[in-house]
Amino acid sequence: MQKYEIRLTLAENVKNFVNAVNKYDFEMDLRAGRHVVDAKSILGIFSLDLSRNITLEIENADQVPQEQIDALLRDIAPFRA
């Protein structure tokens, strides 16, 4: 599993983040404390405490081609904390 800190403070940022991660077909979750939601779910993300950084977790990242991980990281660069 790979983890990255994300900051989503505005509704527009959430929308753009969800659009970016939905391009990829591998599993991603967002974790805020004990709460975990699908990173591709806009409603799930709005259920988290967005006043703090949240953690993007890529499950089975070792099975995802590195090119896809690199592309994802470029797409979400504006949201990385």
PDB file of N, CA and C in Angstrom:
ATOM      1  N   MET A   1       0.856  -1.175   0.000  1.00  0.00           N
ATOM      2  CA  MET A   1       0.000   0.000   0.000  1.00  0.00           C
ATOM      3  C   MET A   1       0.901   1.237   0.000  1.00  0.00           C
ATOM      4  N   GLN A   2       0.517   2.199  -0.813  1.00  0.00           N
ATOM      5  CA  GLN A   2       1.208   3.485  -0.828  1.00  0.00           C
ATOM      6  C   GLN A   2       0.264   4.536  -0.263  1.00  0.00           C
ATOM      7  N   LYS A   3       0.830   5.499   0.488  1.00  0.00           N
ATOM      8  CA  LYS A   3       0.024   6.528   1.139  1.00  0.00           C
ATOM      9  C   LYS A   3       0.560   7.910   0.784  1.00  0.00           C
ATOM     10  N   TYR A   4      -0.382   8.844   0.590  1.00  0.00           N
ATOM     11  CA  TYR A   4      -0.033  10.227   0.260  1.00  0.00           C
ATOM     12  C   TYR A   4      -0.974  11.146   1.013  1.00  0.00           C
ATOM     13  N   GLU A   5      -0.432  12.227   1.563  1.00  0.00           N
ATOM     14  CA  GLU A   5      -1.247  13.212   2.262  1.00  0.00           C
ATOM     15  C   GLU A   5      -1.902  14.141   1.238  1.00  0.00           C
ATOM     16  N   ILE A   6      -3.201  14.368   1.423  1.00  0.00           N
ATOM     17  CA  ILE A   6      -4.015  15.166   0.503  1.00  0.00           C
ATOM     18  C   ILE A   6      -4.689  16.290   1.287  1.00  0.00           C
ATOM     19  N   ARG A   7      -4.853  17.415   0.640  1.00  0.00           N
ATOM     20  CA  ARG A   7      -5.566  18.546   1.241  1.00  0.00           C
ATOM     21  C   ARG A   7      -6.678  18.981   0.295  1.00  0.00           C
ATOM     22  N   LEU A   8      -7.927  18.874   0.756  1.00  0.00           N
ATOM     23  CA  LEU A   8      -9.096  19.248  -0.054  1.00  0.00           C
ATOM     24  C   LEU A   8      -9.944  20.222   0.759  1.00  0.00           C
ATOM     25  N   THR A   9      -9.714  21.505   0.581  1.00  0.00           N
ATOM     26  CA  THR A   9     -10.395  22.490   1.422  1.00  0.00           C
ATOM     27  C   THR A   9     -11.626  23.113   0.768  1.00  0.00           C
ATOM     28  N   LEU A  10     -11.687  23.081  -0.546  1.00  0.00           N
ATOM     29  CA  LEU A  10     -12.807  23.703  -1.256  1.00  0.00           C
ATOM     30  C   LEU A  10     -13.628  22.647  -1.987  1.00  0.00           C
ATOM     31  N   ALA A  11     -14.913  22.908  -2.166  1.00  0.00           N
ATOM     32  CA  ALA A  11     -15.773  21.987  -2.907  1.00  0.00           C
ATOM     33  C   ALA A  11     -15.259  21.786  -4.323  1.00  0.00           C
ATOM     34  N   GLU A  12     -14.753  22.841  -4.929  1.00  0.00           N
ATOM     35  CA  GLU A  12     -14.197  22.746  -6.288  1.00  0.00           C
ATOM     36  C   GLU A  12     -12.995  21.790  -6.315  1.00  0.00           C
ATOM     37  N   ASN A  13     -12.177  21.819  -5.253  1.00  0.00           N
ATOM     38  CA  ASN A  13     -11.030  20.909  -5.163  1.00  0.00           C
ATOM     39  C   ASN A  13     -11.495  19.457  -5.083  1.00  0.00           C
ATOM     40  N   VAL A  14     -12.545  19.207  -4.328  1.00  0.00           N
ATOM     41  CA  VAL A  14     -13.073  17.846  -4.204  1.00  0.00           C
ATOM     42  C   VAL A  14     -13.536  17.349  -5.572  1.00  0.00           C
ATOM     43  N   LYS A  15     -14.277  18.186  -6.276  1.00  0.00           N
ATOM     44  CA  LYS A  15     -14.765  17.813  -7.612  1.00  0.00           C
ATOM     45  C   LYS A  15     -13.603  17.501  -8.556  1.00  0.00           C
ATOM     46  N   ASN A  16     -12.603  18.360  -8.573  1.00  0.00           N
ATOM     47  CA  ASN A  16     -11.455  18.154  -9.452  1.00  0.00           C
ATOM     48  C   ASN A  16     -10.644  16.922  -9.052  1.00  0.00           C
ATOM     49  N   PHE A  17     -10.516  16.678  -7.760  1.00  0.00           N
ATOM     50  CA  PHE A  17      -9.809  15.488  -7.279  1.00  0.00           C
ATOM     51  C   PHE A  17     -10.524  14.222  -7.729  1.00  0.00           C
ATOM     52  N   VAL A  18     -11.848  14.180  -7.547  1.00  0.00           N
ATOM     53  CA  VAL A  18     -12.627  12.996  -7.937  1.00  0.00           C
ATOM     54  C   VAL A  18     -12.528  12.774  -9.445  1.00  0.00           C
ATOM     55  N   ASN A  19     -12.585  13.833 -10.227  1.00  0.00           N
ATOM     56  CA  ASN A  19     -12.423  13.692 -11.678  1.00  0.00           C
ATOM     57  C   ASN A  19     -11.053  13.115 -12.018  1.00  0.00           C
ATOM     58  N   ALA A  20     -10.026  13.538 -11.309  1.00  0.00           N
ATOM     59  CA  ALA A  20      -8.668  13.052 -11.575  1.00  0.00           C
ATOM     60  C   ALA A  20      -8.520  11.572 -11.224  1.00  0.00           C
ATOM     61  N   VAL A  21      -8.991  11.160 -10.048  1.00  0.00           N
ATOM     62  CA  VAL A  21      -8.772   9.764  -9.636  1.00  0.00           C
ATOM     63  C   VAL A  21      -9.670   8.785 -10.384  1.00  0.00           C
ATOM     64  N   ASN A  22     -10.795   9.268 -10.911  1.00  0.00           N
ATOM     65  CA  ASN A  22     -11.688   8.374 -11.651  1.00  0.00           C
ATOM     66  C   ASN A  22     -11.119   7.942 -12.995  1.00  0.00           C
ATOM     67  N   LYS A  23     -10.018   8.537 -13.429  1.00  0.00           N
ATOM     68  CA  LYS A  23      -9.359   8.119 -14.670  1.00  0.00           C
ATOM     69  C   LYS A  23      -8.656   6.775 -14.513  1.00  0.00           C
ATOM     70  N   TYR A  24      -8.457   6.343 -13.293  1.00  0.00           N
ATOM     71  CA  TYR A  24      -7.646   5.155 -13.020  1.00  0.00           C
ATOM     72  C   TYR A  24      -8.528   4.029 -12.504  1.00  0.00           C
ATOM     73  N   ASP A  25      -8.204   2.806 -12.932  1.00  0.00           N
ATOM     74  CA  ASP A  25      -9.078   1.680 -12.606  1.00  0.00           C
ATOM     75  C   ASP A  25      -8.630   0.895 -11.384  1.00  0.00           C
ATOM     76  N   PHE A  26      -7.641   1.370 -10.645  1.00  0.00           N
ATOM     77  CA  PHE A  26      -7.224   0.649  -9.444  1.00  0.00           C
ATOM     78  C   PHE A  26      -7.883   1.264  -8.206  1.00  0.00           C
ATOM     79  N   GLU A  27      -7.892   0.476  -7.122  1.00  0.00           N
ATOM     80  CA  GLU A  27      -8.582   0.851  -5.882  1.00  0.00           C
ATOM     81  C   GLU A  27      -7.809   1.919  -5.118  1.00  0.00           C
ATOM     82  N   MET A  28      -8.538   2.946  -4.666  1.00  0.00           N
ATOM     83  CA  MET A  28      -7.967   4.006  -3.837  1.00  0.00           C
ATOM     84  C   MET A  28      -8.976   4.371  -2.764  1.00  0.00           C
ATOM     85  N   ASP A  29      -8.471   4.596  -1.564  1.00  0.00           N
ATOM     86  CA  ASP A  29      -9.311   5.026  -0.451  1.00  0.00           C
ATOM     87  C   ASP A  29      -8.765   6.311   0.126  1.00  0.00           C
ATOM     88  N   LEU A  30      -9.636   7.043   0.806  1.00  0.00           N
ATOM     89  CA  LEU A  30      -9.213   8.199   1.584  1.00  0.00           C
ATOM     90  C   LEU A  30      -9.497   7.894   3.045  1.00  0.00           C
ATOM     91  N   ARG A  31      -8.528   8.175   3.895  1.00  0.00           N
ATOM     92  CA  ARG A  31      -8.650   7.909   5.323  1.00  0.00           C
ATOM     93  C   ARG A  31      -8.491   9.210   6.097  1.00  0.00           C
ATOM     94  N   ALA A  32      -9.432   9.434   7.007  1.00  0.00           N
ATOM     95  CA  ALA A  32      -9.353  10.546   7.954  1.00  0.00           C
ATOM     96  C   ALA A  32      -9.622   9.956   9.329  1.00  0.00           C
ATOM     97  N   GLY A  33      -8.554   9.725  10.069  1.00  0.00           N
ATOM     98  CA  GLY A  33      -8.703   9.051  11.359  1.00  0.00           C
ATOM     99  C   GLY A  33      -9.169   7.623  11.145  1.00  0.00           C
ATOM    100  N   ARG A  34     -10.274   7.275  11.762  1.00  0.00           N
ATOM    101  CA  ARG A  34     -10.819   5.917  11.618  1.00  0.00           C
ATOM    102  C   ARG A  34     -11.763   5.776  10.434  1.00  0.00           C
ATOM    103  N   HIS A  35     -12.110   6.885   9.806  1.00  0.00           N
ATOM    104  CA  HIS A  35     -13.072   6.874   8.701  1.00  0.00           C
ATOM    105  C   HIS A  35     -12.354   6.653   7.366  1.00  0.00           C
ATOM    106  N   VAL A  36     -12.876   5.699   6.605  1.00  0.00           N
ATOM    107  CA  VAL A  36     -12.306   5.376   5.297  1.00  0.00           C
ATOM    108  C   VAL A  36     -13.431   5.408   4.271  1.00  0.00           C
ATOM    109  N   VAL A  37     -13.170   6.101   3.138  1.00  0.00           N
ATOM    110  CA  VAL A  37     -14.148   6.163   2.056  1.00  0.00           C
ATOM    111  C   VAL A  37     -13.447   5.896   0.727  1.00  0.00           C
ATOM    112  N   ASP A  38     -14.221   5.527  -0.261  1.00  0.00           N
ATOM    113  CA  ASP A  38     -13.718   5.337  -1.621  1.00  0.00           C
ATOM    114  C   ASP A  38     -13.267   6.702  -2.152  1.00  0.00           C
ATOM    115  N   ALA A  39     -12.026   6.787  -2.622  1.00  0.00           N
ATOM    116  CA  ALA A  39     -11.485   8.053  -3.117  1.00  0.00           C
ATOM    117  C   ALA A  39     -12.202   8.543  -4.366  1.00  0.00           C
ATOM    118  N   LYS A  40     -12.979   7.683  -5.005  1.00  0.00           N
ATOM    119  CA  LYS A  40     -13.689   8.050  -6.233  1.00  0.00           C
ATOM    120  C   LYS A  40     -15.122   8.499  -5.962  1.00  0.00           C
ATOM    121  N   SER A  41     -15.499   8.565  -4.681  1.00  0.00           N
ATOM    122  CA  SER A  41     -16.862   8.914  -4.294  1.00  0.00           C
ATOM    123  C   SER A  41     -16.925  10.338  -3.751  1.00  0.00           C
ATOM    124  N   ILE A  42     -17.556  11.216  -4.504  1.00  0.00           N
ATOM    125  CA  ILE A  42     -17.645  12.610  -4.068  1.00  0.00           C
ATOM    126  C   ILE A  42     -18.455  12.724  -2.777  1.00  0.00           C
ATOM    127  N   LEU A  43     -19.520  11.958  -2.644  1.00  0.00           N
ATOM    128  CA  LEU A  43     -20.321  12.007  -1.418  1.00  0.00           C
ATOM    129  C   LEU A  43     -19.543  11.458  -0.236  1.00  0.00           C
ATOM    130  N   GLY A  44     -18.778  10.403  -0.476  1.00  0.00           N
ATOM    131  CA  GLY A  44     -17.954   9.845   0.588  1.00  0.00           C
ATOM    132  C   GLY A  44     -16.930  10.848   1.087  1.00  0.00           C
ATOM    133  N   ILE A  45     -16.307  11.554   0.163  1.00  0.00           N
ATOM    134  CA  ILE A  45     -15.287  12.537   0.548  1.00  0.00           C
ATOM    135  C   ILE A  45     -15.910  13.652   1.373  1.00  0.00           C
ATOM    136  N   PHE A  46     -17.099  14.103   1.000  1.00  0.00           N
ATOM    137  CA  PHE A  46     -17.750  15.172   1.763  1.00  0.00           C
ATOM    138  C   PHE A  46     -18.163  14.717   3.156  1.00  0.00           C
ATOM    139  N   SER A  47     -18.171  13.417   3.426  1.00  0.00           N
ATOM    140  CA  SER A  47     -18.495  12.929   4.768  1.00  0.00           C
ATOM    141  C   SER A  47     -17.284  12.988   5.696  1.00  0.00           C
ATOM    142  N   LEU A  48     -16.099  13.276   5.150  1.00  0.00           N
ATOM    143  CA  LEU A  48     -14.877  13.350   5.954  1.00  0.00           C
ATOM    144  C   LEU A  48     -14.673  14.759   6.498  1.00  0.00           C
ATOM    145  N   ASP A  49     -13.830  14.868   7.511  1.00  0.00           N
ATOM    146  CA  ASP A  49     -13.436  16.169   8.055  1.00  0.00           C
ATOM    147  C   ASP A  49     -12.371  16.750   7.135  1.00  0.00           C
ATOM    148  N   LEU A  50     -12.763  17.671   6.275  1.00  0.00           N
ATOM    149  CA  LEU A  50     -11.849  18.239   5.284  1.00  0.00           C
ATOM    150  C   LEU A  50     -11.064  19.437   5.815  1.00  0.00           C
ATOM    151  N   SER A  51     -11.218  19.734   7.086  1.00  0.00           N
ATOM    152  CA  SER A  51     -10.435  20.831   7.663  1.00  0.00           C
ATOM    153  C   SER A  51      -9.004  20.392   7.954  1.00  0.00           C
ATOM    154  N   ARG A  52      -8.756  19.095   7.861  1.00  0.00           N
ATOM    155  CA  ARG A  52      -7.414  18.545   8.091  1.00  0.00           C
ATOM    156  C   ARG A  52      -6.964  17.794   6.852  1.00  0.00           C
ATOM    157  N   ASN A  53      -5.680  17.469   6.826  1.00  0.00           N
ATOM    158  CA  ASN A  53      -5.167  16.621   5.749  1.00  0.00           C
ATOM    159  C   ASN A  53      -5.802  15.245   5.852  1.00  0.00           C
ATOM    160  N   ILE A  54      -6.000  14.609   4.717  1.00  0.00           N
ATOM    161  CA  ILE A  54      -6.489  13.233   4.682  1.00  0.00           C
ATOM    162  C   ILE A  54      -5.466  12.401   3.918  1.00  0.00           C
ATOM    163  N   THR A  55      -5.550  11.107   4.083  1.00  0.00           N
ATOM    164  CA  THR A  55      -4.549  10.221   3.491  1.00  0.00           C
ATOM    165  C   THR A  55      -5.152   9.440   2.337  1.00  0.00           C
ATOM    166  N   LEU A  56      -4.524   9.544   1.178  1.00  0.00           N
ATOM    167  CA  LEU A  56      -4.886   8.731   0.018  1.00  0.00           C
ATOM    168  C   LEU A  56      -4.115   7.433   0.123  1.00  0.00           C
ATOM    169  N   GLU A  57      -4.815   6.310   0.096  1.00  0.00           N
ATOM    170  CA  GLU A  57      -4.184   4.997   0.170  1.00  0.00           C
ATOM    171  C   GLU A  57      -4.454   4.241  -1.129  1.00  0.00           C
ATOM    172  N   ILE A  58      -3.392   3.784  -1.751  1.00  0.00           N
ATOM    173  CA  ILE A  58      -3.527   2.985  -2.969  1.00  0.00           C
ATOM    174  C   ILE A  58      -3.310   1.522  -2.588  1.00  0.00           C
ATOM    175  N   GLU A  59      -4.386   0.758  -2.651  1.00  0.00           N
ATOM    176  CA  GLU A  59      -4.315  -0.664  -2.306  1.00  0.00           C
ATOM    177  C   GLU A  59      -3.578  -1.429  -3.390  1.00  0.00           C
ATOM    178  N   ASN A  60      -2.837  -2.434  -3.012  1.00  0.00           N
ATOM    179  CA  ASN A  60      -2.121  -3.295  -3.957  1.00  0.00           C
ATOM    180  C   ASN A  60      -1.311  -2.484  -4.956  1.00  0.00           C
ATOM    181  N   ALA A  61      -0.656  -1.437  -4.482  1.00  0.00           N
ATOM    182  CA  ALA A  61       0.116  -0.563  -5.363  1.00  0.00           C
ATOM    183  C   ALA A  61       1.233  -1.318  -6.070  1.00  0.00           C
ATOM    184  N   ASP A  62       1.697  -2.403  -5.468  1.00  0.00           N
ATOM    185  CA  ASP A  62       2.772  -3.194  -6.090  1.00  0.00           C
ATOM    186  C   ASP A  62       2.287  -3.910  -7.350  1.00  0.00           C
ATOM    187  N   GLN A  63       0.973  -3.999  -7.543  1.00  0.00           N
ATOM    188  CA  GLN A  63       0.419  -4.649  -8.728  1.00  0.00           C
ATOM    189  C   GLN A  63       0.005  -3.653  -9.808  1.00  0.00           C
ATOM    190  N   VAL A  64       0.148  -2.370  -9.497  1.00  0.00           N
ATOM    191  CA  VAL A  64      -0.214  -1.307 -10.442  1.00  0.00           C
ATOM    192  C   VAL A  64       1.055  -0.881 -11.178  1.00  0.00           C
ATOM    193  N   PRO A  65       1.004  -0.786 -12.501  1.00  0.00           N
ATOM    194  CA  PRO A  65       2.192  -0.325 -13.242  1.00  0.00           C
ATOM    195  C   PRO A  65       2.664   1.041 -12.735  1.00  0.00           C
ATOM    196  N   GLN A  66       3.957   1.184 -12.581  1.00  0.00           N
ATOM    197  CA  GLN A  66       4.531   2.416 -12.050  1.00  0.00           C
ATOM    198  C   GLN A  66       4.149   3.632 -12.896  1.00  0.00           C
ATOM    199  N   GLU A  67       3.970   3.438 -14.209  1.00  0.00           N
ATOM    200  CA  GLU A  67       3.576   4.558 -15.067  1.00  0.00           C
ATOM    201  C   GLU A  67       2.224   5.119 -14.649  1.00  0.00           C
ATOM    202  N   GLN A  68       1.301   4.230 -14.228  1.00  0.00           N
ATOM    203  CA  GLN A  68      -0.020   4.691 -13.801  1.00  0.00           C
ATOM    204  C   GLN A  68       0.066   5.434 -12.473  1.00  0.00           C
ATOM    205  N   ILE A  69       0.892   4.941 -11.561  1.00  0.00           N
ATOM    206  CA  ILE A  69       1.080   5.632 -10.277  1.00  0.00           C
ATOM    207  C   ILE A  69       1.665   7.020 -10.535  1.00  0.00           C
ATOM    208  N   ASP A  70       2.685   7.088 -11.397  1.00  0.00           N
ATOM    209  CA  ASP A  70       3.314   8.377 -11.718  1.00  0.00           C
ATOM    210  C   ASP A  70       2.309   9.344 -12.337  1.00  0.00           C
ATOM    211  N   ALA A  71       1.468   8.847 -13.233  1.00  0.00           N
ATOM    212  CA  ALA A  71       0.451   9.690 -13.872  1.00  0.00           C
ATOM    213  C   ALA A  71      -0.557  10.184 -12.833  1.00  0.00           C
ATOM    214  N   LEU A  72      -0.970   9.303 -11.941  1.00  0.00           N
ATOM    215  CA  LEU A  72      -1.892   9.699 -10.871  1.00  0.00           C
ATOM    216  C   LEU A  72      -1.271  10.800 -10.019  1.00  0.00           C
ATOM    217  N   LEU A  73      -0.022  10.619  -9.634  1.00  0.00           N
ATOM    218  CA  LEU A  73       0.639  11.615  -8.783  1.00  0.00           C
ATOM    219  C   LEU A  73       0.747  12.969  -9.480  1.00  0.00           C
ATOM    220  N   ARG A  74       0.955  12.961 -10.778  1.00  0.00           N
ATOM    221  CA  ARG A  74       0.954  14.233 -11.537  1.00  0.00           C
ATOM    222  C   ARG A  74      -0.429  14.860 -11.518  1.00  0.00           C
ATOM    223  N   ASP A  75      -1.460  14.036 -11.698  1.00  0.00           N
ATOM    224  CA  ASP A  75      -2.838  14.557 -11.741  1.00  0.00           C
ATOM    225  C   ASP A  75      -3.290  15.124 -10.407  1.00  0.00           C
ATOM    226  N   ILE A  76      -2.818  14.549  -9.316  1.00  0.00           N
ATOM    227  CA  ILE A  76      -3.265  15.005  -7.998  1.00  0.00           C
ATOM    228  C   ILE A  76      -2.266  15.945  -7.321  1.00  0.00           C
ATOM    229  N   ALA A  77      -1.214  16.325  -8.033  1.00  0.00           N
ATOM    230  CA  ALA A  77      -0.178  17.206  -7.457  1.00  0.00           C
ATOM    231  C   ALA A  77      -0.768  18.472  -6.809  1.00  0.00           C
ATOM    232  N   PRO A  78      -1.779  19.107  -7.401  1.00  0.00           N
ATOM    233  CA  PRO A  78      -2.317  20.324  -6.752  1.00  0.00           C
ATOM    234  C   PRO A  78      -2.970  20.063  -5.399  1.00  0.00           C
ATOM    235  N   PHE A  79      -3.284  18.825  -5.094  1.00  0.00           N
ATOM    236  CA  PHE A  79      -4.000  18.484  -3.865  1.00  0.00           C
ATOM    237  C   PHE A  79      -3.102  17.854  -2.809  1.00  0.00           C
ATOM    238  N   ARG A  80      -1.836  17.619  -3.135  1.00  0.00           N
ATOM    239  CA  ARG A  80      -0.930  16.986  -2.171  1.00  0.00           C
ATOM    240  C   ARG A  80      -0.536  17.988  -1.097  1.00  0.00           C
ATOM    241  N   ALA A  81      -0.550  17.530   0.124  1.00  0.00           N
ATOM    242  CA  ALA A  81      -0.215  18.399   1.267  1.00  0.00           C
ATOM    243  C   ALA A  81       1.272  18.490   1.456  1.00  0.00           C
TER     244      ALA A  81
END
